[in-house]
Full PDB file with SEQRES, HELIX, SHEET, SSBOND, CRYST1, ORIGX, SCALE, CONECT and MASTER records, all heavy atoms in Angstrom:
SEQRES   1 A   36  LEU VAL LYS SER TRP ASN SER SER LEU THR MET GLN GLY          
SEQRES   2 A   36  LEU ARG LEU GLY SER ARG LEU LEU TYR SER ILE SER ARG          
SEQRES   3 A   36  SER LYS ARG PHE GLN ALA GLY SER VAL LEU                      
HELIX    1 AA1 VAL A    2  ASN A    6  1                                   5    
HELIX    2 AA2 LEU A    9  SER A   25  1                                  17    
HELIX    3 AA3 LYS A   28  SER A   34  1                                   7    
CRYST1    1.000    1.000    1.000  90.00  90.00  90.00 P 1           1          
ORIGX1      1.000000  0.000000  0.000000        0.00000                         
ORIGX2      0.000000  1.000000  0.000000        0.00000                         
ORIGX3      0.000000  0.000000  1.000000        0.00000                         
SCALE1      1.000000  0.000000  0.000000        0.00000                         
SCALE2      0.000000  1.000000  0.000000        0.00000                         
SCALE3      0.000000  0.000000  1.000000        0.00000                         
ATOM      1  N   LEU A   1       0.825  -1.203   0.000  1.00  0.00           N  
ATOM      2  CA  LEU A   1       0.000   0.000   0.000  1.00  0.00           C  
ATOM      3  C   LEU A   1       0.861   1.257   0.000  1.00  0.00           C  
ATOM      4  O   LEU A   1       0.568   2.238  -0.701  1.00  0.00           O  
ATOM      5  CB  LEU A   1      -0.920   0.015   1.227  1.00  0.00           C  
ATOM      6  CG  LEU A   1      -2.137  -0.906   1.218  1.00  0.00           C  
ATOM      7  CD1 LEU A   1      -2.833  -0.885   2.574  1.00  0.00           C  
ATOM      8  CD2 LEU A   1      -3.113  -0.505   0.122  1.00  0.00           C  
ATOM      9  N   VAL A   2       1.936   1.234   0.785  1.00  0.00           N  
ATOM     10  CA  VAL A   2       2.856   2.381   0.845  1.00  0.00           C  
ATOM     11  C   VAL A   2       3.424   2.673  -0.539  1.00  0.00           C  
ATOM     12  O   VAL A   2       3.432   3.817  -1.005  1.00  0.00           O  
ATOM     13  CB  VAL A   2       3.990   2.118   1.859  1.00  0.00           C  
ATOM     14  CG1 VAL A   2       5.067   3.196   1.761  1.00  0.00           C  
ATOM     15  CG2 VAL A   2       3.439   2.062   3.282  1.00  0.00           C  
ATOM     16  N   LYS A   3       3.871   1.622  -1.213  1.00  0.00           N  
ATOM     17  CA  LYS A   3       4.476   1.804  -2.536  1.00  0.00           C  
ATOM     18  C   LYS A   3       3.457   2.297  -3.557  1.00  0.00           C  
ATOM     19  O   LYS A   3       3.736   3.221  -4.338  1.00  0.00           O  
ATOM     20  CB  LYS A   3       5.099   0.491  -2.997  1.00  0.00           C  
ATOM     21  CG  LYS A   3       6.321   0.072  -2.197  1.00  0.00           C  
ATOM     22  CD  LYS A   3       6.779  -1.327  -2.584  1.00  0.00           C  
ATOM     23  CE  LYS A   3       7.961  -1.762  -1.732  1.00  0.00           C  
ATOM     24  NZ  LYS A   3       8.324  -3.181  -1.968  1.00  0.00           N  
ATOM     25  N   SER A   4       2.282   1.679  -3.561  1.00  0.00           N  
ATOM     26  CA  SER A   4       1.285   2.061  -4.563  1.00  0.00           C  
ATOM     27  C   SER A   4       0.766   3.470  -4.322  1.00  0.00           C  
ATOM     28  O   SER A   4       0.564   4.237  -5.272  1.00  0.00           O  
ATOM     29  CB  SER A   4       0.130   1.055  -4.581  1.00  0.00           C  
ATOM     30  OG  SER A   4      -0.543   1.032  -3.335  1.00  0.00           O  
ATOM     31  N   TRP A   5       0.557   3.845  -3.063  1.00  0.00           N  
ATOM     32  CA  TRP A   5       0.083   5.187  -2.771  1.00  0.00           C  
ATOM     33  C   TRP A   5       1.140   6.243  -3.075  1.00  0.00           C  
ATOM     34  O   TRP A   5       0.826   7.319  -3.596  1.00  0.00           O  
ATOM     35  CB  TRP A   5      -0.375   5.291  -1.318  1.00  0.00           C  
ATOM     36  CG  TRP A   5      -1.810   4.919  -1.125  1.00  0.00           C  
ATOM     37  CD1 TRP A   5      -2.307   3.733  -0.671  1.00  0.00           C  
ATOM     38  CD2 TRP A   5      -2.949   5.733  -1.406  1.00  0.00           C  
ATOM     39  NE1 TRP A   5      -3.668   3.743  -0.641  1.00  0.00           N  
ATOM     40  CE2 TRP A   5      -4.100   4.968  -1.090  1.00  0.00           C  
ATOM     41  CE3 TRP A   5      -3.109   7.025  -1.903  1.00  0.00           C  
ATOM     42  CZ2 TRP A   5      -5.390   5.463  -1.250  1.00  0.00           C  
ATOM     43  CZ3 TRP A   5      -4.397   7.522  -2.056  1.00  0.00           C  
ATOM     44  CH2 TRP A   5      -5.516   6.753  -1.737  1.00  0.00           C  
ATOM     45  N   ASN A   6       2.402   5.947  -2.756  1.00  0.00           N  
ATOM     46  CA  ASN A   6       3.460   6.929  -3.020  1.00  0.00           C  
ATOM     47  C   ASN A   6       3.609   7.220  -4.509  1.00  0.00           C  
ATOM     48  O   ASN A   6       3.994   8.329  -4.898  1.00  0.00           O  
ATOM     49  CB  ASN A   6       4.795   6.454  -2.434  1.00  0.00           C  
ATOM     50  CG  ASN A   6       4.936   6.796  -0.963  1.00  0.00           C  
ATOM     51  OD1 ASN A   6       4.346   7.760  -0.466  1.00  0.00           O  
ATOM     52  ND2 ASN A   6       5.720   6.005  -0.248  1.00  0.00           N  
ATOM     53  N   SER A   7       3.324   6.223  -5.342  1.00  0.00           N  
ATOM     54  CA  SER A   7       3.453   6.413  -6.787  1.00  0.00           C  
ATOM     55  C   SER A   7       2.121   6.753  -7.454  1.00  0.00           C  
ATOM     56  O   SER A   7       2.052   6.894  -8.676  1.00  0.00           O  
ATOM     57  CB  SER A   7       4.039   5.155  -7.435  1.00  0.00           C  
ATOM     58  OG  SER A   7       3.205   4.029  -7.209  1.00  0.00           O  
ATOM     59  N   SER A   8       1.055   6.879  -6.661  1.00  0.00           N  
ATOM     60  CA  SER A   8      -0.272   7.115  -7.211  1.00  0.00           C  
ATOM     61  C   SER A   8      -0.418   8.528  -7.767  1.00  0.00           C  
ATOM     62  O   SER A   8       0.297   9.455  -7.380  1.00  0.00           O  
ATOM     63  CB  SER A   8      -1.336   6.878  -6.134  1.00  0.00           C  
ATOM     64  OG  SER A   8      -1.266   7.899  -5.141  1.00  0.00           O  
ATOM     65  N   LEU A   9      -1.385   8.685  -8.651  1.00  0.00           N  
ATOM     66  CA  LEU A   9      -1.682  10.002  -9.209  1.00  0.00           C  
ATOM     67  C   LEU A   9      -2.169  10.963  -8.120  1.00  0.00           C  
ATOM     68  O   LEU A   9      -1.910  12.169  -8.182  1.00  0.00           O  
ATOM     69  CB  LEU A   9      -2.736   9.870 -10.312  1.00  0.00           C  
ATOM     70  CG  LEU A   9      -2.293   9.178 -11.606  1.00  0.00           C  
ATOM     71  CD1 LEU A   9      -3.483   9.025 -12.560  1.00  0.00           C  
ATOM     72  CD2 LEU A   9      -1.170   9.956 -12.283  1.00  0.00           C  
ATOM     73  N   THR A  10      -2.859  10.404  -7.123  1.00  0.00           N  
ATOM     74  CA  THR A  10      -3.355  11.239  -6.023  1.00  0.00           C  
ATOM     75  C   THR A  10      -2.206  11.901  -5.274  1.00  0.00           C  
ATOM     76  O   THR A  10      -2.221  13.120  -5.044  1.00  0.00           O  
ATOM     77  CB  THR A  10      -4.188  10.390  -5.040  1.00  0.00           C  
ATOM     78  OG1 THR A  10      -5.296   9.825  -5.727  1.00  0.00           O  
ATOM     79  CG2 THR A  10      -4.690  11.245  -3.883  1.00  0.00           C  
ATOM     80  N   MET A  11      -1.206  11.090  -4.889  1.00  0.00           N  
ATOM     81  CA  MET A  11      -0.066  11.653  -4.154  1.00  0.00           C  
ATOM     82  C   MET A  11       0.791  12.535  -5.044  1.00  0.00           C  
ATOM     83  O   MET A  11       1.333  13.560  -4.593  1.00  0.00           O  
ATOM     84  CB  MET A  11       0.764  10.513  -3.552  1.00  0.00           C  
ATOM     85  CG  MET A  11       0.072   9.765  -2.428  1.00  0.00           C  
ATOM     86  SD  MET A  11      -0.389  10.814  -1.023  1.00  0.00           S  
ATOM     87  CE  MET A  11       1.246  11.266  -0.409  1.00  0.00           C  
ATOM     88  N   GLN A  12       0.949  12.157  -6.308  1.00  0.00           N  
ATOM     89  CA  GLN A  12       1.697  13.012  -7.222  1.00  0.00           C  
ATOM     90  C   GLN A  12       1.011  14.373  -7.361  1.00  0.00           C  
ATOM     91  O   GLN A  12       1.671  15.418  -7.390  1.00  0.00           O  
ATOM     92  CB  GLN A  12       1.820  12.341  -8.592  1.00  0.00           C  
ATOM     93  CG  GLN A  12       2.731  11.116  -8.608  1.00  0.00           C  
ATOM     94  CD  GLN A  12       2.804  10.464  -9.973  1.00  0.00           C  
ATOM     95  OE1 GLN A  12       2.888  11.144 -10.989  1.00  0.00           O  
ATOM     96  NE2 GLN A  12       2.755   9.134  -9.998  1.00  0.00           N  
ATOM     97  N   GLY A  13      -0.321  14.339  -7.448  1.00  0.00           N  
ATOM     98  CA  GLY A  13      -1.071  15.585  -7.545  1.00  0.00           C  
ATOM     99  C   GLY A  13      -0.958  16.422  -6.287  1.00  0.00           C  
ATOM    100  O   GLY A  13      -0.845  17.657  -6.353  1.00  0.00           O  
ATOM    101  N   LEU A  14      -0.981  15.743  -5.127  1.00  0.00           N  
ATOM    102  CA  LEU A  14      -0.838  16.468  -3.857  1.00  0.00           C  
ATOM    103  C   LEU A  14       0.523  17.149  -3.778  1.00  0.00           C  
ATOM    104  O   LEU A  14       0.626  18.316  -3.371  1.00  0.00           O  
ATOM    105  CB  LEU A  14      -1.026  15.492  -2.695  1.00  0.00           C  
ATOM    106  CG  LEU A  14      -1.077  16.081  -1.283  1.00  0.00           C  
ATOM    107  CD1 LEU A  14      -1.971  15.232  -0.388  1.00  0.00           C  
ATOM    108  CD2 LEU A  14       0.306  16.203  -0.650  1.00  0.00           C  
ATOM    109  N   ARG A  15       1.572  16.422  -4.182  1.00  0.00           N  
ATOM    110  CA  ARG A  15       2.920  17.008  -4.133  1.00  0.00           C  
ATOM    111  C   ARG A  15       3.051  18.166  -5.121  1.00  0.00           C  
ATOM    112  O   ARG A  15       3.645  19.205  -4.797  1.00  0.00           O  
ATOM    113  CB  ARG A  15       3.972  15.927  -4.402  1.00  0.00           C  
ATOM    114  CG  ARG A  15       4.140  14.931  -3.255  1.00  0.00           C  
ATOM    115  CD  ARG A  15       5.351  14.044  -3.445  1.00  0.00           C  
ATOM    116  NE  ARG A  15       5.124  13.010  -4.428  1.00  0.00           N  
ATOM    117  CZ  ARG A  15       4.724  11.765  -4.158  1.00  0.00           C  
ATOM    118  NH1 ARG A  15       4.496  11.410  -2.903  1.00  0.00           N  
ATOM    119  NH2 ARG A  15       4.550  10.879  -5.111  1.00  0.00           N  
ATOM    120  N   LEU A  16       2.498  17.988  -6.321  1.00  0.00           N  
ATOM    121  CA  LEU A  16       2.581  19.045  -7.331  1.00  0.00           C  
ATOM    122  C   LEU A  16       1.801  20.283  -6.886  1.00  0.00           C  
ATOM    123  O   LEU A  16       2.300  21.421  -6.989  1.00  0.00           O  
ATOM    124  CB  LEU A  16       2.032  18.539  -8.672  1.00  0.00           C  
ATOM    125  CG  LEU A  16       1.980  19.575  -9.819  1.00  0.00           C  
ATOM    126  CD1 LEU A  16       3.378  20.112 -10.116  1.00  0.00           C  
ATOM    127  CD2 LEU A  16       1.360  18.948 -11.065  1.00  0.00           C  
ATOM    128  N   GLY A  17       0.598  20.058  -6.374  1.00  0.00           N  
ATOM    129  CA  GLY A  17      -0.205  21.181  -5.900  1.00  0.00           C  
ATOM    130  C   GLY A  17       0.479  21.923  -4.769  1.00  0.00           C  
ATOM    131  O   GLY A  17       0.473  23.164  -4.716  1.00  0.00           O  
ATOM    132  N   SER A  18       1.069  21.168  -3.865  1.00  0.00           N  
ATOM    133  CA  SER A  18       1.784  21.781  -2.741  1.00  0.00           C  
ATOM    134  C   SER A  18       2.983  22.584  -3.229  1.00  0.00           C  
ATOM    135  O   SER A  18       3.288  23.662  -2.706  1.00  0.00           O  
ATOM    136  CB  SER A  18       2.238  20.703  -1.750  1.00  0.00           C  
ATOM    137  OG  SER A  18       1.139  20.032  -1.182  1.00  0.00           O  
ATOM    138  N   ARG A  19       3.669  22.055  -4.245  1.00  0.00           N  
ATOM    139  CA  ARG A  19       4.830  22.754  -4.791  1.00  0.00           C  
ATOM    140  C   ARG A  19       4.420  24.101  -5.385  1.00  0.00           C  
ATOM    141  O   ARG A  19       5.093  25.121  -5.191  1.00  0.00           O  
ATOM    142  CB  ARG A  19       5.501  21.865  -5.843  1.00  0.00           C  
ATOM    143  CG  ARG A  19       6.922  22.296  -6.217  1.00  0.00           C  
ATOM    144  CD  ARG A  19       7.577  21.261  -7.130  1.00  0.00           C  
ATOM    145  NE  ARG A  19       7.630  19.955  -6.503  1.00  0.00           N  
ATOM    146  CZ  ARG A  19       7.102  18.849  -7.015  1.00  0.00           C  
ATOM    147  NH1 ARG A  19       6.466  18.889  -8.186  1.00  0.00           N  
ATOM    148  NH2 ARG A  19       7.197  17.707  -6.387  1.00  0.00           N  
ATOM    149  N   LEU A  20       3.297  24.106  -6.089  1.00  0.00           N  
ATOM    150  CA  LEU A  20       2.809  25.357  -6.694  1.00  0.00           C  
ATOM    151  C   LEU A  20       2.388  26.352  -5.615  1.00  0.00           C  
ATOM    152  O   LEU A  20       2.703  27.543  -5.696  1.00  0.00           O  
ATOM    153  CB  LEU A  20       1.633  25.054  -7.622  1.00  0.00           C  
ATOM    154  CG  LEU A  20       1.955  24.263  -8.897  1.00  0.00           C  
ATOM    155  CD1 LEU A  20       0.672  23.871  -9.627  1.00  0.00           C  
ATOM    156  CD2 LEU A  20       2.872  25.067  -9.815  1.00  0.00           C  
ATOM    157  N   LEU A  21       1.696  25.850  -4.588  1.00  0.00           N  
ATOM    158  CA  LEU A  21       1.260  26.727  -3.502  1.00  0.00           C  
ATOM    159  C   LEU A  21       2.448  27.267  -2.714  1.00  0.00           C  
ATOM    160  O   LEU A  21       2.437  28.418  -2.255  1.00  0.00           O  
ATOM    161  CB  LEU A  21       0.299  25.975  -2.575  1.00  0.00           C  
ATOM    162  CG  LEU A  21      -1.080  25.674  -3.173  1.00  0.00           C  
ATOM    163  CD1 LEU A  21      -1.858  24.719  -2.274  1.00  0.00           C  
ATOM    164  CD2 LEU A  21      -1.868  26.976  -3.362  1.00  0.00           C  
ATOM    165  N   TYR A  22       3.476  26.432  -2.572  1.00  0.00           N  
ATOM    166  CA  TYR A  22       4.678  26.891  -1.863  1.00  0.00           C  
ATOM    167  C   TYR A  22       5.383  28.000  -2.641  1.00  0.00           C  
ATOM    168  O   TYR A  22       5.889  28.974  -2.056  1.00  0.00           O  
ATOM    169  CB  TYR A  22       5.640  25.729  -1.624  1.00  0.00           C  
ATOM    170  CG  TYR A  22       6.971  26.172  -1.045  1.00  0.00           C  
ATOM    171  CD1 TYR A  22       7.045  26.669   0.252  1.00  0.00           C  
ATOM    172  CD2 TYR A  22       8.141  26.098  -1.794  1.00  0.00           C  
ATOM    173  CE1 TYR A  22       8.248  27.095   0.791  1.00  0.00           C  
ATOM    174  CE2 TYR A  22       9.353  26.519  -1.260  1.00  0.00           C  
ATOM    175  CZ  TYR A  22       9.405  27.012   0.026  1.00  0.00           C  
ATOM    176  OH  TYR A  22      10.599  27.441   0.551  1.00  0.00           O  
ATOM    177  N   SER A  23       5.416  27.872  -3.972  1.00  0.00           N  
ATOM    178  CA  SER A  23       6.073  28.900  -4.789  1.00  0.00           C  
ATOM    179  C   SER A  23       5.379  30.252  -4.659  1.00  0.00           C  
ATOM    180  O   SER A  23       6.001  31.300  -4.833  1.00  0.00           O  
ATOM    181  CB  SER A  23       6.090  28.460  -6.257  1.00  0.00           C  
ATOM    182  OG  SER A  23       4.775  28.433  -6.796  1.00  0.00           O  
ATOM    183  N   ILE A  24       4.082  30.216  -4.312  1.00  0.00           N  
ATOM    184  CA  ILE A  24       3.330  31.458  -4.156  1.00  0.00           C  
ATOM    185  C   ILE A  24       3.400  31.972  -2.714  1.00  0.00           C  
ATOM    186  O   ILE A  24       3.654  33.149  -2.468  1.00  0.00           O  
ATOM    187  CB  ILE A  24       1.852  31.234  -4.555  1.00  0.00           C  
ATOM    188  CG1 ILE A  24       1.752  30.844  -6.025  1.00  0.00           C  
ATOM    189  CG2 ILE A  24       1.020  32.490  -4.275  1.00  0.00           C  
ATOM    190  CD1 ILE A  24       0.372  30.355  -6.442  1.00  0.00           C  
ATOM    191  N   SER A  25       3.177  31.066  -1.777  1.00  0.00           N  
ATOM    192  CA  SER A  25       3.030  31.481  -0.374  1.00  0.00           C  
ATOM    193  C   SER A  25       4.305  31.390   0.448  1.00  0.00           C  
ATOM    194  O   SER A  25       4.413  32.033   1.495  1.00  0.00           O  
ATOM    195  CB  SER A  25       1.962  30.622   0.307  1.00  0.00           C  
ATOM    196  OG  SER A  25       2.399  29.271   0.418  1.00  0.00           O  
ATOM    197  N   ARG A  26       5.252  30.534   0.026  1.00  0.00           N  
ATOM    198  CA  ARG A  26       6.477  30.217   0.794  1.00  0.00           C  
ATOM    199  C   ARG A  26       6.136  29.620   2.158  1.00  0.00           C  
ATOM    200  O   ARG A  26       6.921  29.718   3.104  1.00  0.00           O  
ATOM    201  CB  ARG A  26       7.370  31.453   0.975  1.00  0.00           C  
ATOM    202  CG  ARG A  26       7.617  32.258  -0.289  1.00  0.00           C  
ATOM    203  CD  ARG A  26       8.087  31.407  -1.450  1.00  0.00           C  
ATOM    204  NE  ARG A  26       9.429  30.859  -1.265  1.00  0.00           N  
ATOM    205  CZ  ARG A  26      10.028  30.054  -2.136  1.00  0.00           C  
ATOM    206  NH1 ARG A  26       9.387  29.679  -3.236  1.00  0.00           N  
ATOM    207  NH2 ARG A  26      11.248  29.616  -1.905  1.00  0.00           N  
ATOM    208  N   SER A  27       4.995  28.984   2.248  1.00  0.00           N  
ATOM    209  CA  SER A  27       4.566  28.358   3.499  1.00  0.00           C  
ATOM    210  C   SER A  27       5.303  27.040   3.709  1.00  0.00           C  
ATOM    211  O   SER A  27       5.382  26.212   2.803  1.00  0.00           O  
ATOM    212  CB  SER A  27       3.052  28.100   3.468  1.00  0.00           C  
ATOM    213  OG  SER A  27       2.670  27.195   4.477  1.00  0.00           O  
ATOM    214  N   LYS A  28       5.816  26.830   4.927  1.00  0.00           N  
ATOM    215  CA  LYS A  28       6.505  25.580   5.235  1.00  0.00           C  
ATOM    216  C   LYS A  28       5.571  24.382   5.122  1.00  0.00           C  
ATOM    217  O   LYS A  28       5.999  23.283   4.808  1.00  0.00           O  
ATOM    218  CB  LYS A  28       7.092  25.642   6.652  1.00  0.00           C  
ATOM    219  CG  LYS A  28       8.286  26.579   6.789  1.00  0.00           C  
ATOM    220  CD  LYS A  28       8.819  26.536   8.204  1.00  0.00           C  
ATOM    221  CE  LYS A  28      10.022  27.459   8.368  1.00  0.00           C  
ATOM    222  NZ  LYS A  28      10.517  27.449   9.766  1.00  0.00           N  
ATOM    223  N   ARG A  29       4.294  24.632   5.395  1.00  0.00           N  
ATOM    224  CA  ARG A  29       3.315  23.541   5.310  1.00  0.00           C  
ATOM    225  C   ARG A  29       3.240  23.006   3.882  1.00  0.00           C  
ATOM    226  O   ARG A  29       3.230  21.797   3.650  1.00  0.00           O  
ATOM    227  CB  ARG A  29       1.947  24.032   5.769  1.00  0.00           C  
ATOM    228  CG  ARG A  29       0.879  22.951   5.805  1.00  0.00           C  
ATOM    229  CD  ARG A  29      -0.371  23.450   6.510  1.00  0.00           C  
ATOM    230  NE  ARG A  29      -1.372  22.402   6.568  1.00  0.00           N  
ATOM    231  CZ  ARG A  29      -2.561  22.458   5.966  1.00  0.00           C  
ATOM    232  NH1 ARG A  29      -2.901  23.522   5.255  1.00  0.00           N  
ATOM    233  NH2 ARG A  29      -3.425  21.463   6.091  1.00  0.00           N  
ATOM    234  N   PHE A  30       3.209  23.901   2.906  1.00  0.00           N  
ATOM    235  CA  PHE A  30       3.155  23.467   1.512  1.00  0.00           C  
ATOM    236  C   PHE A  30       4.509  22.933   1.046  1.00  0.00           C  
ATOM    237  O   PHE A  30       4.571  22.044   0.198  1.00  0.00           O  
ATOM    238  CB  PHE A  30       2.680  24.614   0.623  1.00  0.00           C  
ATOM    239  CG  PHE A  30       1.260  25.009   0.870  1.00  0.00           C  
ATOM    240  CD1 PHE A  30       0.920  26.327   1.146  1.00  0.00           C  
ATOM    241  CD2 PHE A  30       0.252  24.063   0.861  1.00  0.00           C  
ATOM    242  CE1 PHE A  30      -0.392  26.692   1.393  1.00  0.00           C  
ATOM    243  CE2 PHE A  30      -1.073  24.411   1.108  1.00  0.00           C  
ATOM    244  CZ  PHE A  30      -1.387  25.730   1.376  1.00  0.00           C  
ATOM    245  N   GLN A  31       5.589  23.460   1.625  1.00  0.00           N  
ATOM    246  CA  GLN A  31       6.912  22.916   1.306  1.00  0.00           C  
ATOM    247  C   GLN A  31       6.993  21.458   1.752  1.00  0.00           C  
ATOM    248  O   GLN A  31       7.521  20.606   1.032  1.00  0.00           O  
ATOM    249  CB  GLN A  31       8.005  23.734   1.992  1.00  0.00           C  
ATOM    250  CG  GLN A  31       9.426  23.288   1.638  1.00  0.00           C  
ATOM    251  CD  GLN A  31      10.484  24.070   2.383  1.00  0.00           C  
ATOM    252  OE1 GLN A  31      10.180  24.834   3.304  1.00  0.00           O  
ATOM    253  NE2 GLN A  31      11.728  23.901   2.000  1.00  0.00           N  
ATOM    254  N   ALA A  32       6.444  21.184   2.930  1.00  0.00           N  
ATOM    255  CA  ALA A  32       6.410  19.811   3.432  1.00  0.00           C  
ATOM    256  C   ALA A  32       5.563  18.934   2.520  1.00  0.00           C  
ATOM    257  O   ALA A  32       5.934  17.801   2.189  1.00  0.00           O  
ATOM    258  CB  ALA A  32       5.871  19.781   4.856  1.00  0.00           C  
ATOM    259  N   GLY A  33       4.414  19.434   2.100  1.00  0.00           N  
ATOM    260  CA  GLY A  33       3.534  18.673   1.220  1.00  0.00           C  
ATOM    261  C   GLY A  33       4.166  18.351  -0.119  1.00  0.00           C  
ATOM    262  O   GLY A  33       3.860  17.327  -0.738  1.00  0.00           O  
ATOM    263  N   SER A  34       5.093  19.195  -0.576  1.00  0.00           N  
ATOM    264  CA  SER A  34       5.711  18.999  -1.885  1.00  0.00           C  
ATOM    265  C   SER A  34       6.671  17.812  -1.911  1.00  0.00           C  
ATOM    266  O   SER A  34       7.017  17.313  -2.987  1.00  0.00           O  
ATOM    267  CB  SER A  34       6.455  20.270  -2.316  1.00  0.00           C  
ATOM    268  OG  SER A  34       7.596  20.495  -1.506  1.00  0.00           O  
ATOM    269  N   VAL A  35       7.113  17.357  -0.729  1.00  0.00           N  
ATOM    270  CA  VAL A  35       8.035  16.208  -0.671  1.00  0.00           C  
ATOM    271  C   VAL A  35       7.452  15.071   0.168  1.00  0.00           C  
ATOM    272  O   VAL A  35       8.164  14.141   0.540  1.00  0.00           O  
ATOM    273  CB  VAL A  35       9.415  16.623  -0.109  1.00  0.00           C  
ATOM    274  CG1 VAL A  35      10.116  17.589  -1.045  1.00  0.00           C  
ATOM    275  CG2 VAL A  35       9.279  17.235   1.290  1.00  0.00           C  
ATOM    276  N   LEU A  36       6.157  15.153   0.470  1.00  0.00           N  
ATOM    277  CA  LEU A  36       5.526  14.171   1.356  1.00  0.00           C  
ATOM    278  C   LEU A  36       5.541  12.772   0.751  1.00  0.00           C  
ATOM    279  O   LEU A  36       5.126  12.565  -0.382  1.00  0.00           O  
ATOM    280  CB  LEU A  36       4.084  14.588   1.631  1.00  0.00           C  
ATOM    281  CG  LEU A  36       3.272  13.659   2.544  1.00  0.00           C  
ATOM    282  CD1 LEU A  36       3.866  13.646   3.944  1.00  0.00           C  
ATOM    283  CD2 LEU A  36       1.815  14.103   2.590  1.00  0.00           C  
TER     284      LEU A  36                                                      
MASTER        0    0    0    3    0    0    0    6  283    1    0    3          
END                                                                             
């Protein structure tokens, strides 16, 4: 489950979305989400 979820489109989307939000807000929370 760990492997499949880490490579899933859902987690990839979460990381990508967090990366975009971090580039705008510089929030540590979104920085964490970008590498979760």
